[in-house]
N, C-alpha and C. Protein backbone atom coordinates (compact mmCIF):
# COMPACT_ATOMS: atom_id res chain seq x y z
N MET A 1 0.85 -1.17 0.00
CA MET A 1 0.00 0.00 0.00
C MET A 1 0.89 1.23 0.00
N ALA A 2 0.47 2.25 -0.73
CA ALA A 2 1.20 3.51 -0.78
C ALA A 2 0.18 4.64 -0.74
N ALA A 3 0.63 5.80 -0.27
CA ALA A 3 -0.26 6.95 -0.18
C ALA A 3 0.51 8.23 -0.46
N ILE A 4 -0.19 9.22 -1.01
CA ILE A 4 0.36 10.56 -1.22
C ILE A 4 -0.68 11.54 -0.72
N TYR A 5 -0.23 12.52 0.07
CA TYR A 5 -1.12 13.57 0.55
C TYR A 5 -0.59 14.90 0.04
N GLY A 6 -1.49 15.76 -0.41
CA GLY A 6 -1.12 17.11 -0.83
C GLY A 6 -2.11 18.12 -0.33
N ARG A 7 -1.62 19.27 0.05
CA ARG A 7 -2.52 20.33 0.54
C ARG A 7 -3.34 20.94 -0.59
N GLU A 8 -2.87 20.79 -1.82
CA GLU A 8 -3.61 21.33 -2.96
C GLU A 8 -4.82 20.43 -3.23
N THR A 9 -5.74 20.94 -4.01
CA THR A 9 -6.94 20.16 -4.32
C THR A 9 -7.08 19.93 -5.82
N ASN A 10 -5.94 19.79 -6.54
CA ASN A 10 -6.03 19.66 -7.99
C ASN A 10 -6.05 18.22 -8.48
N GLY A 11 -5.96 17.24 -7.61
CA GLY A 11 -6.06 15.85 -8.03
C GLY A 11 -4.79 15.26 -8.60
N ALA A 12 -3.68 16.00 -8.57
CA ALA A 12 -2.43 15.50 -9.14
C ALA A 12 -1.93 14.27 -8.41
N ASN A 13 -2.24 14.13 -7.15
CA ASN A 13 -1.76 12.98 -6.38
C ASN A 13 -2.28 11.66 -6.95
N LEU A 14 -3.53 11.64 -7.36
CA LEU A 14 -4.11 10.43 -7.93
C LEU A 14 -3.40 10.08 -9.25
N LEU A 15 -3.06 11.08 -10.03
CA LEU A 15 -2.34 10.84 -11.28
C LEU A 15 -0.94 10.31 -11.01
N GLU A 16 -0.29 10.80 -9.96
CA GLU A 16 1.03 10.28 -9.60
C GLU A 16 0.94 8.81 -9.22
N MET A 17 -0.07 8.44 -8.46
CA MET A 17 -0.26 7.04 -8.09
C MET A 17 -0.56 6.19 -9.32
N LYS A 18 -1.30 6.73 -10.26
CA LYS A 18 -1.57 6.00 -11.50
C LYS A 18 -0.27 5.72 -12.25
N ARG A 19 0.63 6.71 -12.26
CA ARG A 19 1.92 6.51 -12.91
C ARG A 19 2.72 5.41 -12.22
N VAL A 20 2.65 5.35 -10.91
CA VAL A 20 3.35 4.29 -10.16
C VAL A 20 2.81 2.93 -10.59
N VAL A 21 1.49 2.80 -10.65
CA VAL A 21 0.87 1.54 -11.07
C VAL A 21 1.33 1.16 -12.47
N GLN A 22 1.33 2.12 -13.39
CA GLN A 22 1.70 1.84 -14.76
C GLN A 22 3.18 1.48 -14.89
N TYR A 23 4.00 1.93 -13.96
CA TYR A 23 5.41 1.55 -13.96
C TYR A 23 5.57 0.11 -13.45
N ILE A 24 4.85 -0.22 -12.38
CA ILE A 24 4.93 -1.56 -11.80
C ILE A 24 4.30 -2.61 -12.71
N ALA A 25 3.16 -2.27 -13.28
CA ALA A 25 2.42 -3.20 -14.15
C ALA A 25 2.07 -2.48 -15.45
N PRO A 26 3.01 -2.42 -16.41
CA PRO A 26 2.78 -1.64 -17.63
C PRO A 26 1.57 -2.07 -18.45
N ASN A 27 1.14 -3.32 -18.33
CA ASN A 27 0.00 -3.81 -19.11
C ASN A 27 -1.31 -3.72 -18.35
N CYS A 28 -1.34 -2.96 -17.28
CA CYS A 28 -2.55 -2.90 -16.47
C CYS A 28 -3.62 -2.04 -17.12
N GLN A 29 -4.84 -2.29 -16.71
CA GLN A 29 -5.99 -1.48 -17.11
C GLN A 29 -6.50 -0.79 -15.86
N ILE A 30 -6.76 0.50 -15.95
CA ILE A 30 -7.35 1.26 -14.85
C ILE A 30 -8.84 1.37 -15.17
N VAL A 31 -9.67 0.71 -14.37
CA VAL A 31 -11.10 0.61 -14.64
C VAL A 31 -11.86 1.48 -13.63
N PRO A 32 -12.51 2.55 -14.08
CA PRO A 32 -13.26 3.41 -13.16
C PRO A 32 -14.31 2.62 -12.38
N ALA A 33 -14.48 3.00 -11.12
CA ALA A 33 -15.45 2.32 -10.25
C ALA A 33 -16.16 3.35 -9.39
N LYS A 34 -17.30 2.99 -8.87
CA LYS A 34 -18.04 3.82 -7.93
C LYS A 34 -18.09 3.10 -6.60
N SER A 35 -17.56 3.73 -5.59
CA SER A 35 -17.49 3.09 -4.29
C SER A 35 -18.66 3.50 -3.41
N HIS A 36 -19.02 2.60 -2.55
CA HIS A 36 -20.03 2.89 -1.54
C HIS A 36 -19.39 2.86 -0.15
N ASP A 37 -18.08 2.76 -0.13
CA ASP A 37 -17.32 2.75 1.11
C ASP A 37 -17.24 4.18 1.65
N GLU A 38 -17.43 4.34 2.94
CA GLU A 38 -17.46 5.66 3.55
C GLU A 38 -16.13 6.40 3.50
N ILE A 39 -15.02 5.69 3.39
CA ILE A 39 -13.72 6.36 3.39
C ILE A 39 -13.24 6.72 1.99
N VAL A 40 -13.91 6.21 0.95
CA VAL A 40 -13.47 6.42 -0.43
C VAL A 40 -14.29 7.54 -1.08
N HIS A 41 -13.59 8.41 -1.81
CA HIS A 41 -14.24 9.48 -2.56
C HIS A 41 -15.22 8.83 -3.54
N PRO A 42 -16.47 9.30 -3.60
CA PRO A 42 -17.48 8.64 -4.45
C PRO A 42 -17.20 8.71 -5.95
N GLU A 43 -16.37 9.63 -6.39
CA GLU A 43 -16.10 9.80 -7.83
C GLU A 43 -14.66 9.52 -8.21
N ARG A 44 -13.82 9.11 -7.28
CA ARG A 44 -12.40 8.96 -7.57
C ARG A 44 -11.86 7.62 -7.10
N GLU A 45 -12.38 6.57 -7.73
CA GLU A 45 -11.89 5.23 -7.43
C GLU A 45 -11.79 4.44 -8.73
N ALA A 46 -10.81 3.56 -8.78
CA ALA A 46 -10.65 2.68 -9.93
C ALA A 46 -10.09 1.35 -9.47
N TYR A 47 -10.44 0.30 -10.20
CA TYR A 47 -9.83 -1.01 -9.99
C TYR A 47 -8.63 -1.12 -10.91
N ILE A 48 -7.65 -1.86 -10.49
CA ILE A 48 -6.48 -2.12 -11.32
C ILE A 48 -6.57 -3.57 -11.75
N GLU A 49 -6.55 -3.79 -13.06
CA GLU A 49 -6.66 -5.14 -13.60
C GLU A 49 -5.49 -5.43 -14.52
N VAL A 50 -5.02 -6.66 -14.46
CA VAL A 50 -3.99 -7.14 -15.38
C VAL A 50 -4.51 -8.45 -15.96
N GLY A 51 -4.62 -8.50 -17.26
CA GLY A 51 -5.12 -9.71 -17.91
C GLY A 51 -6.51 -10.09 -17.45
N GLY A 52 -7.35 -9.09 -17.13
CA GLY A 52 -8.71 -9.35 -16.69
C GLY A 52 -8.85 -9.71 -15.23
N GLN A 53 -7.73 -9.79 -14.50
CA GLN A 53 -7.79 -10.13 -13.08
C GLN A 53 -7.53 -8.87 -12.25
N ARG A 54 -8.38 -8.65 -11.27
CA ARG A 54 -8.23 -7.49 -10.39
C ARG A 54 -7.07 -7.71 -9.43
N VAL A 55 -6.13 -6.75 -9.43
CA VAL A 55 -4.94 -6.87 -8.57
C VAL A 55 -4.81 -5.71 -7.60
N GLY A 56 -5.77 -4.79 -7.59
CA GLY A 56 -5.68 -3.70 -6.64
C GLY A 56 -6.70 -2.62 -6.85
N ASN A 57 -6.59 -1.58 -6.02
CA ASN A 57 -7.47 -0.42 -6.07
C ASN A 57 -6.63 0.85 -6.07
N LEU A 58 -7.17 1.87 -6.67
CA LEU A 58 -6.56 3.20 -6.69
C LEU A 58 -7.69 4.16 -6.36
N TYR A 59 -7.52 4.97 -5.32
CA TYR A 59 -8.62 5.86 -4.93
C TYR A 59 -8.13 7.03 -4.10
N GLU A 60 -9.02 8.01 -3.95
CA GLU A 60 -8.78 9.13 -3.04
C GLU A 60 -9.65 8.92 -1.81
N LEU A 61 -9.15 9.42 -0.68
CA LEU A 61 -9.97 9.40 0.52
C LEU A 61 -11.12 10.38 0.37
N HIS A 62 -12.22 10.08 1.03
CA HIS A 62 -13.39 10.96 0.99
C HIS A 62 -13.00 12.33 1.52
N PRO A 63 -13.43 13.41 0.84
CA PRO A 63 -13.03 14.76 1.27
C PRO A 63 -13.46 15.11 2.69
N GLY A 64 -14.50 14.47 3.19
CA GLY A 64 -14.95 14.74 4.55
C GLY A 64 -13.98 14.24 5.62
N LEU A 65 -13.04 13.41 5.23
CA LEU A 65 -12.05 12.88 6.18
C LEU A 65 -10.85 13.80 6.37
N LEU A 66 -10.70 14.79 5.51
CA LEU A 66 -9.54 15.66 5.54
C LEU A 66 -9.95 17.10 5.80
N ASP A 67 -9.14 17.81 6.56
CA ASP A 67 -9.41 19.23 6.78
C ASP A 67 -9.21 20.03 5.51
N ARG A 68 -8.16 19.68 4.77
CA ARG A 68 -7.88 20.32 3.49
C ARG A 68 -7.00 19.40 2.67
N GLY A 69 -6.97 19.64 1.37
CA GLY A 69 -6.13 18.84 0.50
C GLY A 69 -6.79 17.53 0.08
N ARG A 70 -5.96 16.66 -0.52
CA ARG A 70 -6.41 15.37 -1.01
C ARG A 70 -5.38 14.31 -0.66
N ALA A 71 -5.86 13.09 -0.48
CA ALA A 71 -4.97 11.95 -0.22
C ALA A 71 -5.31 10.83 -1.19
N ALA A 72 -4.31 10.38 -1.93
CA ALA A 72 -4.49 9.30 -2.89
C ALA A 72 -3.89 8.02 -2.31
N ILE A 73 -4.60 6.92 -2.48
CA ILE A 73 -4.19 5.62 -1.94
C ILE A 73 -4.05 4.62 -3.09
N LEU A 74 -2.98 3.87 -3.05
CA LEU A 74 -2.77 2.77 -3.98
C LEU A 74 -2.67 1.50 -3.15
N ASP A 75 -3.59 0.58 -3.38
CA ASP A 75 -3.61 -0.70 -2.68
C ASP A 75 -3.42 -1.78 -3.74
N LEU A 76 -2.20 -2.29 -3.84
CA LEU A 76 -1.83 -3.22 -4.90
C LEU A 76 -1.42 -4.55 -4.29
N ASP A 77 -1.99 -5.63 -4.78
CA ASP A 77 -1.66 -6.98 -4.30
C ASP A 77 -0.48 -7.50 -5.10
N LEU A 78 0.73 -7.32 -4.56
CA LEU A 78 1.95 -7.72 -5.28
C LEU A 78 2.03 -9.23 -5.45
N ASP A 79 1.50 -10.00 -4.49
CA ASP A 79 1.49 -11.46 -4.62
C ASP A 79 0.64 -11.88 -5.82
N ALA A 80 -0.53 -11.24 -5.98
CA ALA A 80 -1.39 -11.55 -7.12
C ALA A 80 -0.71 -11.16 -8.43
N LEU A 81 0.00 -10.04 -8.43
CA LEU A 81 0.73 -9.62 -9.63
C LEU A 81 1.81 -10.62 -10.01
N GLN A 82 2.56 -11.10 -9.03
CA GLN A 82 3.63 -12.06 -9.30
C GLN A 82 3.08 -13.41 -9.75
N ALA A 83 1.89 -13.76 -9.29
CA ALA A 83 1.30 -15.05 -9.64
C ALA A 83 0.77 -15.08 -11.08
N LEU A 84 0.57 -13.92 -11.68
CA LEU A 84 0.06 -13.87 -13.04
C LEU A 84 1.11 -14.36 -14.03
N PRO A 85 0.68 -14.90 -15.17
CA PRO A 85 1.64 -15.29 -16.19
C PRO A 85 2.48 -14.08 -16.62
N SER A 86 3.68 -14.33 -17.03
CA SER A 86 4.60 -13.27 -17.42
C SER A 86 3.98 -12.38 -18.50
N GLN A 87 4.10 -11.10 -18.31
CA GLN A 87 3.58 -10.13 -19.27
C GLN A 87 4.72 -9.50 -20.07
N ARG A 88 5.85 -10.18 -20.12
CA ARG A 88 7.01 -9.63 -20.82
C ARG A 88 6.69 -9.45 -22.29
N GLN A 89 7.17 -8.35 -22.80
CA GLN A 89 6.95 -8.07 -24.22
C GLN A 89 8.15 -8.57 -25.01
N ALA A 90 7.88 -9.04 -26.18
CA ALA A 90 8.95 -9.53 -27.06
C ALA A 90 9.85 -8.37 -27.46
N TYR A 91 11.09 -8.68 -27.72
CA TYR A 91 12.04 -7.67 -28.15
C TYR A 91 11.58 -7.03 -29.46
N ARG A 92 11.66 -5.72 -29.49
CA ARG A 92 11.36 -4.99 -30.72
C ARG A 92 12.61 -4.21 -31.09
N SER A 93 13.05 -4.36 -32.30
CA SER A 93 14.26 -3.66 -32.73
C SER A 93 14.01 -2.15 -32.77
N LEU A 94 15.10 -1.41 -32.74
CA LEU A 94 15.00 0.04 -32.80
C LEU A 94 14.39 0.46 -34.13
N ARG A 95 13.71 1.58 -34.09
CA ARG A 95 13.08 2.11 -35.30
C ARG A 95 14.15 2.54 -36.29
N ARG A 96 13.97 2.21 -37.54
CA ARG A 96 14.91 2.60 -38.59
C ARG A 96 14.51 3.94 -39.21
N PHE A 97 13.25 4.32 -39.04
CA PHE A 97 12.76 5.54 -39.67
C PHE A 97 12.26 6.51 -38.60
N PRO A 98 12.42 7.80 -38.83
CA PRO A 98 12.03 8.79 -37.82
C PRO A 98 10.51 8.86 -37.63
N THR A 99 10.15 9.43 -36.51
CA THR A 99 8.74 9.64 -36.19
C THR A 99 8.44 11.13 -36.20
N SER A 100 7.18 11.46 -36.18
CA SER A 100 6.72 12.85 -36.08
C SER A 100 5.74 12.95 -34.94
N SER A 101 5.86 14.01 -34.16
CA SER A 101 4.99 14.20 -33.00
C SER A 101 4.25 15.52 -33.09
N PHE A 102 3.08 15.54 -32.49
CA PHE A 102 2.35 16.79 -32.31
C PHE A 102 1.56 16.71 -31.01
N ASP A 103 1.32 17.87 -30.42
CA ASP A 103 0.60 17.96 -29.16
C ASP A 103 -0.80 18.48 -29.41
N LEU A 104 -1.74 17.97 -28.60
CA LEU A 104 -3.13 18.44 -28.64
C LEU A 104 -3.58 18.71 -27.21
N SER A 105 -4.28 19.82 -27.02
CA SER A 105 -4.90 20.12 -25.74
C SER A 105 -6.41 20.13 -25.95
N ILE A 106 -7.08 19.21 -25.29
CA ILE A 106 -8.52 19.01 -25.47
C ILE A 106 -9.27 19.64 -24.31
N VAL A 107 -10.24 20.49 -24.61
CA VAL A 107 -11.09 21.07 -23.58
C VAL A 107 -12.27 20.12 -23.38
N ALA A 108 -12.40 19.65 -22.14
CA ALA A 108 -13.42 18.65 -21.83
C ALA A 108 -14.11 19.00 -20.51
N PRO A 109 -15.30 18.45 -20.27
CA PRO A 109 -15.93 18.63 -18.96
C PRO A 109 -15.00 18.13 -17.85
N ALA A 110 -15.09 18.73 -16.70
CA ALA A 110 -14.17 18.45 -15.59
C ALA A 110 -14.18 16.98 -15.17
N HIS A 111 -15.29 16.28 -15.35
CA HIS A 111 -15.37 14.89 -14.89
C HIS A 111 -15.05 13.87 -16.00
N THR A 112 -14.58 14.34 -17.15
CA THR A 112 -14.20 13.43 -18.23
C THR A 112 -12.96 12.65 -17.81
N LEU A 113 -12.97 11.35 -18.03
CA LEU A 113 -11.83 10.51 -17.67
C LEU A 113 -10.74 10.63 -18.74
N VAL A 114 -9.51 10.77 -18.28
CA VAL A 114 -8.36 10.84 -19.19
C VAL A 114 -8.29 9.56 -20.02
N ALA A 115 -8.60 8.43 -19.41
CA ALA A 115 -8.56 7.14 -20.12
C ALA A 115 -9.55 7.14 -21.30
N ASP A 116 -10.70 7.78 -21.15
CA ASP A 116 -11.66 7.86 -22.25
C ASP A 116 -11.10 8.70 -23.40
N LEU A 117 -10.43 9.81 -23.06
CA LEU A 117 -9.82 10.64 -24.10
C LEU A 117 -8.69 9.88 -24.79
N GLU A 118 -7.88 9.16 -24.02
CA GLU A 118 -6.80 8.36 -24.60
C GLU A 118 -7.36 7.33 -25.59
N SER A 119 -8.42 6.67 -25.20
CA SER A 119 -9.03 5.65 -26.06
C SER A 119 -9.53 6.28 -27.36
N LYS A 120 -10.18 7.43 -27.25
CA LYS A 120 -10.70 8.11 -28.44
C LYS A 120 -9.54 8.52 -29.35
N LEU A 121 -8.45 9.04 -28.77
CA LEU A 121 -7.30 9.45 -29.58
C LEU A 121 -6.66 8.26 -30.29
N ARG A 122 -6.52 7.14 -29.59
CA ARG A 122 -5.94 5.94 -30.20
C ARG A 122 -6.78 5.49 -31.40
N HIS A 123 -8.09 5.51 -31.21
CA HIS A 123 -8.99 5.10 -32.29
C HIS A 123 -8.88 6.04 -33.48
N LEU A 124 -8.89 7.35 -33.23
CA LEU A 124 -8.86 8.33 -34.31
C LEU A 124 -7.52 8.35 -35.04
N ALA A 125 -6.43 8.15 -34.32
CA ALA A 125 -5.10 8.22 -34.94
C ALA A 125 -4.82 7.00 -35.82
N GLY A 126 -5.37 5.87 -35.46
CA GLY A 126 -5.21 4.68 -36.29
C GLY A 126 -3.89 3.96 -36.12
N ASP A 127 -3.55 3.16 -37.14
CA ASP A 127 -2.37 2.29 -37.09
C ASP A 127 -1.04 3.02 -37.06
N GLY A 128 -1.00 4.24 -37.53
CA GLY A 128 0.26 4.98 -37.57
C GLY A 128 0.70 5.52 -36.23
N LEU A 129 -0.11 5.35 -35.20
CA LEU A 129 0.23 5.86 -33.88
C LEU A 129 1.29 4.98 -33.23
N VAL A 130 2.45 5.56 -32.98
CA VAL A 130 3.56 4.84 -32.34
C VAL A 130 3.43 4.94 -30.83
N SER A 131 3.10 6.14 -30.33
CA SER A 131 2.91 6.31 -28.89
C SER A 131 1.97 7.46 -28.63
N LEU A 132 1.32 7.38 -27.46
CA LEU A 132 0.42 8.42 -26.99
C LEU A 132 0.83 8.72 -25.57
N GLN A 133 1.23 9.96 -25.33
CA GLN A 133 1.73 10.33 -24.01
C GLN A 133 0.82 11.39 -23.40
N PHE A 134 0.32 11.12 -22.19
CA PHE A 134 -0.43 12.11 -21.43
C PHE A 134 0.57 13.14 -20.91
N LEU A 135 0.26 14.43 -21.08
CA LEU A 135 1.18 15.48 -20.64
C LEU A 135 0.73 16.16 -19.36
N LEU A 136 -0.47 16.76 -19.37
CA LEU A 136 -0.94 17.46 -18.17
C LEU A 136 -2.41 17.78 -18.25
N ILE A 137 -2.94 18.14 -17.08
CA ILE A 137 -4.32 18.63 -16.97
C ILE A 137 -4.25 20.04 -16.41
N PHE A 138 -5.02 20.94 -17.02
CA PHE A 138 -5.08 22.31 -16.56
C PHE A 138 -6.54 22.65 -16.33
N PRO A 139 -6.93 22.99 -15.09
CA PRO A 139 -8.34 23.30 -14.82
C PRO A 139 -8.76 24.61 -15.50
N LEU A 140 -9.98 24.61 -16.03
CA LEU A 140 -10.54 25.79 -16.68
C LEU A 140 -11.89 26.10 -16.06
N PRO A 141 -12.17 27.35 -15.81
CA PRO A 141 -13.49 27.69 -15.32
C PRO A 141 -14.47 27.73 -16.48
N PRO A 142 -15.72 27.57 -16.35
CA PRO A 142 -16.38 26.92 -15.22
C PRO A 142 -16.52 25.43 -15.50
N ASP A 143 -16.07 24.62 -14.60
CA ASP A 143 -16.28 23.17 -14.62
C ASP A 143 -15.75 22.47 -15.88
N LYS A 144 -14.60 22.92 -16.37
CA LYS A 144 -13.96 22.29 -17.52
C LYS A 144 -12.49 22.09 -17.21
N LYS A 145 -11.82 21.36 -18.09
CA LYS A 145 -10.38 21.18 -17.96
C LYS A 145 -9.77 21.02 -19.34
N SER A 146 -8.49 21.34 -19.42
CA SER A 146 -7.73 21.14 -20.64
C SER A 146 -6.80 19.96 -20.39
N VAL A 147 -6.90 18.95 -21.24
CA VAL A 147 -6.08 17.74 -21.11
C VAL A 147 -5.16 17.68 -22.31
N SER A 148 -3.85 17.65 -22.06
CA SER A 148 -2.87 17.69 -23.15
C SER A 148 -2.20 16.33 -23.36
N PHE A 149 -2.01 16.00 -24.63
CA PHE A 149 -1.38 14.74 -25.03
C PHE A 149 -0.35 15.02 -26.12
N ARG A 150 0.63 14.14 -26.23
CA ARG A 150 1.56 14.13 -27.36
C ARG A 150 1.33 12.85 -28.14
N LEU A 151 1.02 13.00 -29.42
CA LEU A 151 0.83 11.87 -30.31
C LEU A 151 2.07 11.74 -31.18
N THR A 152 2.63 10.54 -31.26
CA THR A 152 3.80 10.29 -32.09
C THR A 152 3.39 9.29 -33.18
N LEU A 153 3.64 9.69 -34.42
CA LEU A 153 3.26 8.89 -35.58
C LEU A 153 4.51 8.37 -36.29
N GLY A 154 4.38 7.22 -36.92
CA GLY A 154 5.50 6.67 -37.67
C GLY A 154 5.08 5.44 -38.44
N ALA A 155 5.98 4.98 -39.29
CA ALA A 155 5.77 3.75 -40.06
C ALA A 155 7.03 2.90 -39.93
N ASP A 156 6.88 1.58 -39.98
CA ASP A 156 8.01 0.68 -39.83
C ASP A 156 8.87 0.59 -41.09
N ASP A 157 8.28 0.91 -42.24
CA ASP A 157 9.00 0.68 -43.50
C ASP A 157 9.43 1.94 -44.24
N ARG A 158 9.12 3.12 -43.68
CA ARG A 158 9.46 4.36 -44.37
C ARG A 158 9.24 5.56 -43.45
N THR A 159 9.68 6.71 -43.91
CA THR A 159 9.42 7.96 -43.21
C THR A 159 8.08 8.51 -43.70
N LEU A 160 7.21 8.87 -42.76
CA LEU A 160 5.92 9.45 -43.15
C LEU A 160 6.15 10.81 -43.79
N THR A 161 5.35 11.13 -44.78
CA THR A 161 5.43 12.45 -45.40
C THR A 161 4.71 13.47 -44.52
N ALA A 162 5.02 14.73 -44.76
CA ALA A 162 4.35 15.81 -44.02
C ALA A 162 2.85 15.76 -44.28
N ASP A 163 2.45 15.42 -45.50
CA ASP A 163 1.02 15.33 -45.82
C ASP A 163 0.33 14.22 -45.04
N GLU A 164 0.99 13.08 -44.88
CA GLU A 164 0.41 11.96 -44.11
C GLU A 164 0.22 12.36 -42.65
N VAL A 165 1.20 13.02 -42.08
CA VAL A 165 1.10 13.46 -40.69
C VAL A 165 -0.01 14.50 -40.55
N THR A 166 -0.07 15.43 -41.49
CA THR A 166 -1.10 16.47 -41.46
C THR A 166 -2.50 15.86 -41.59
N ARG A 167 -2.67 14.90 -42.49
CA ARG A 167 -3.98 14.24 -42.66
C ARG A 167 -4.40 13.51 -41.38
N THR A 168 -3.45 12.83 -40.74
CA THR A 168 -3.78 12.13 -39.49
C THR A 168 -4.18 13.13 -38.42
N ARG A 169 -3.41 14.22 -38.31
CA ARG A 169 -3.73 15.24 -37.31
C ARG A 169 -5.12 15.82 -37.58
N GLU A 170 -5.41 16.14 -38.83
CA GLU A 170 -6.73 16.69 -39.18
C GLU A 170 -7.84 15.70 -38.88
N ARG A 171 -7.62 14.41 -39.15
CA ARG A 171 -8.62 13.38 -38.85
C ARG A 171 -8.88 13.31 -37.34
N VAL A 172 -7.83 13.40 -36.54
CA VAL A 172 -7.97 13.37 -35.09
C VAL A 172 -8.74 14.60 -34.62
N VAL A 173 -8.35 15.78 -35.11
CA VAL A 173 -9.00 17.03 -34.70
C VAL A 173 -10.47 17.01 -35.09
N GLU A 174 -10.79 16.61 -36.32
CA GLU A 174 -12.19 16.57 -36.77
C GLU A 174 -13.00 15.56 -35.96
N GLY A 175 -12.40 14.41 -35.66
CA GLY A 175 -13.08 13.41 -34.85
C GLY A 175 -13.40 13.91 -33.45
N LEU A 176 -12.45 14.64 -32.87
CA LEU A 176 -12.69 15.21 -31.53
C LEU A 176 -13.79 16.27 -31.58
N LYS A 177 -13.73 17.12 -32.59
CA LYS A 177 -14.75 18.17 -32.72
C LYS A 177 -16.13 17.56 -32.95
N SER A 178 -16.21 16.53 -33.77
CA SER A 178 -17.52 15.90 -34.03
C SER A 178 -18.03 15.17 -32.78
N ALA A 179 -17.13 14.83 -31.85
CA ALA A 179 -17.55 14.20 -30.59
C ALA A 179 -17.91 15.26 -29.54
N GLY A 180 -17.83 16.55 -29.90
CA GLY A 180 -18.25 17.60 -28.99
C GLY A 180 -17.13 18.26 -28.20
N TYR A 181 -15.89 17.92 -28.49
CA TYR A 181 -14.76 18.53 -27.78
C TYR A 181 -14.26 19.73 -28.57
N GLU A 182 -13.68 20.68 -27.84
CA GLU A 182 -12.98 21.77 -28.52
C GLU A 182 -11.51 21.64 -28.19
N LEU A 183 -10.69 22.24 -29.04
CA LEU A 183 -9.24 22.18 -28.85
C LEU A 183 -8.73 23.53 -28.41
N ARG A 184 -7.70 23.49 -27.60
CA ARG A 184 -7.05 24.70 -27.11
C ARG A 184 -5.82 24.97 -27.95
N GLU A 185 -5.66 26.16 -28.39
CA GLU A 185 -4.50 26.54 -29.20
C GLU A 185 -3.33 26.88 -28.32
């Protein structure tokens, strides 16, 4: 079990704990949950699953338990993680061709899950997406937030042209706009 407490109320502690989980179990899934436990924040809990098996919880303490600030808790069953079949990834050779990256900042309702935005971006970017990196969350009034990502595109057999990268970026932007999101410049 691990915990982080911060006097601020921006929720960064929960994201730090999520990063810890993703470092320990890179193939994990963070599954949003609603708790009925009195000590758990009703909107800030998730199960941690690896290969469909639940191996822990990630949550914030209920705000009524703290005078100020937030406390994030990570409860991970390391024995259950070790008992799972190996999740080692096969060796992948270094890329022979360069990649191209671009950043997007998505304006979304404050309660939108980052995982939902990541999923939408992966779908919209398609097969050319080499990596998707979450960068930061910036709160916006009233009741919105800006969520920033870096998308890296590439191909295994050649260098992508500027037009290919631009078309992918435009497809992602149009897909986000048609889903009701706006982008921050």
